[in-house]
Amino acid sequence: MILITVTLEMTANAYISLNQISYVSQKDYADYTVQLQKAIQTTPQKAAFQRIGKTFMRTKNDPMQADYFGGSHFNSMLEPSYPNFMGQIGEPAGDGFVADTNQTEFTDAF
């Protein structure tokens, strides 16, 4: 009886907990991915050290997903000195992420 009660409680708890997490629908994800690929393909990339900054973003790992050179990145193993530096020059940054959104020629080269 205890085993049945525990199993039912754990199943109900998992169901209720997971239903509260919002996910992006597959259609929205696919639409965004297609638009991102179109935008990247129309942008000439001259050299490996040249980065692309966008005015739209789904995640901070868009450069990795679409295979282009960008400064936005999320990684739980990111060295703390990089987000600290990016935050000090005015870029959005936090614990394990940086977002390449407001680059100027100076900060991009720096």
Protein backbone atom coordinates (compact mmCIF):
# COMPACT_ATOMS: atom_id res chain seq x y z
CA MET A 1 0.00 0.00 0.00
CA ILE A 2 2.85 2.38 0.86
CA LEU A 3 4.61 1.62 -2.43
CA ILE A 4 1.46 2.38 -4.43
CA THR A 5 0.88 5.64 -2.51
CA VAL A 6 4.49 6.78 -2.98
CA THR A 7 4.41 5.90 -6.70
CA LEU A 8 1.14 7.81 -7.24
CA GLU A 9 2.41 10.83 -5.32
CA MET A 10 5.70 10.91 -7.25
CA THR A 11 3.89 10.58 -10.57
CA ALA A 12 1.44 13.36 -9.72
CA ASN A 13 4.25 15.59 -8.43
CA ALA A 14 6.31 15.09 -11.61
CA TYR A 15 3.30 15.76 -13.84
CA ILE A 16 2.30 18.95 -12.02
CA SER A 17 5.90 20.23 -11.78
CA LEU A 18 6.77 19.62 -15.44
CA ASN A 19 3.55 21.16 -16.74
CA GLN A 20 4.50 24.48 -15.13
CA ILE A 21 7.67 24.75 -17.24
CA SER A 22 7.02 26.64 -20.46
CA TYR A 23 8.72 25.39 -23.58
CA VAL A 24 8.99 26.99 -26.99
CA SER A 25 6.74 25.20 -29.45
CA GLN A 26 8.46 23.31 -32.25
CA LYS A 27 6.86 25.62 -34.86
CA ASP A 28 8.14 28.78 -33.15
CA TYR A 29 11.61 27.26 -32.81
CA ALA A 30 11.66 26.16 -36.47
CA ASP A 31 10.41 29.56 -37.70
CA TYR A 32 13.11 31.37 -35.72
CA THR A 33 15.82 28.99 -36.93
CA VAL A 34 14.83 29.53 -40.58
CA GLN A 35 14.88 33.32 -40.15
CA LEU A 36 18.24 33.18 -38.37
CA GLN A 37 19.78 31.05 -41.13
CA LYS A 38 18.46 33.48 -43.81
CA ALA A 39 19.93 36.46 -41.97
CA ILE A 40 23.31 34.79 -41.52
CA GLN A 41 23.53 33.63 -45.14
CA THR A 42 23.00 37.17 -46.44
CA THR A 43 25.77 38.56 -44.23
CA PRO A 44 29.25 38.28 -45.72
CA GLN A 45 31.83 37.03 -43.26
CA LYS A 46 35.26 38.26 -44.26
CA ALA A 47 37.48 36.77 -41.60
CA ALA A 48 37.39 34.55 -38.53
CA PHE A 49 38.00 37.50 -36.19
CA GLN A 50 34.99 39.43 -37.49
CA ARG A 51 31.87 38.95 -35.35
CA ILE A 52 28.22 39.37 -36.25
CA GLY A 53 25.91 41.18 -33.85
CA LYS A 54 22.14 40.90 -34.21
CA THR A 55 19.19 43.02 -33.15
CA PHE A 56 17.17 39.89 -32.34
CA MET A 57 17.97 36.90 -30.14
CA ARG A 58 16.31 33.71 -28.95
CA THR A 59 19.17 32.43 -26.83
CA LYS A 60 22.70 33.52 -26.09
CA ASN A 61 23.98 30.51 -28.03
CA ASP A 62 22.62 31.59 -31.42
CA PRO A 63 26.18 31.84 -32.87
CA MET A 64 26.85 28.22 -31.95
CA GLN A 65 23.48 27.06 -33.28
CA ALA A 66 23.77 28.85 -36.63
CA ASP A 67 27.54 28.44 -37.08
CA TYR A 68 28.64 32.06 -37.30
CA PHE A 69 31.15 34.19 -35.42
CA GLY A 70 29.33 36.04 -32.65
CA GLY A 71 30.15 37.31 -29.19
CA SER A 72 27.05 36.08 -27.35
CA HIS A 73 27.56 32.92 -25.36
CA PHE A 74 26.20 30.97 -22.41
CA ASN A 75 28.21 28.29 -20.67
CA SER A 76 28.20 27.24 -17.06
CA MET A 77 31.98 26.75 -17.34
CA LEU A 78 32.67 30.26 -18.73
CA GLU A 79 35.66 31.86 -17.06
CA PRO A 80 34.36 34.61 -14.70
CA SER A 81 36.88 37.15 -16.00
CA TYR A 82 35.19 37.29 -19.43
CA PRO A 83 31.66 38.24 -18.23
CA ASN A 84 33.24 40.62 -15.70
CA PHE A 85 35.18 42.39 -18.46
CA MET A 86 32.18 42.52 -20.81
CA GLY A 87 30.01 43.95 -18.03
CA GLN A 88 32.60 46.63 -17.30
CA ILE A 89 32.60 47.82 -20.93
CA GLY A 90 28.78 48.00 -20.97
CA GLU A 91 27.70 44.70 -22.46
CA PRO A 92 24.96 42.60 -20.88
CA ALA A 93 26.76 39.93 -18.88
CA GLY A 94 26.17 37.77 -15.87
CA ASP A 95 27.06 34.50 -14.23
CA GLY A 96 28.13 32.29 -17.15
CA PHE A 97 26.87 34.42 -20.05
CA VAL A 98 27.62 37.41 -22.23
CA ALA A 99 25.36 39.00 -24.84
CA ASP A 100 26.87 40.78 -27.84
CA THR A 101 24.23 43.47 -28.35
CA ASN A 102 25.74 46.96 -28.10
CA GLN A 103 29.17 46.61 -29.66
CA THR A 104 30.96 49.60 -31.10
CA GLU A 105 33.99 49.32 -33.37
CA PHE A 106 36.21 50.16 -30.41
CA THR A 107 34.75 47.62 -27.99
CA ASP A 108 34.58 44.96 -30.70
CA ALA A 109 38.27 45.45 -31.48
CA PHE A 110 39.21 45.78 -27.80
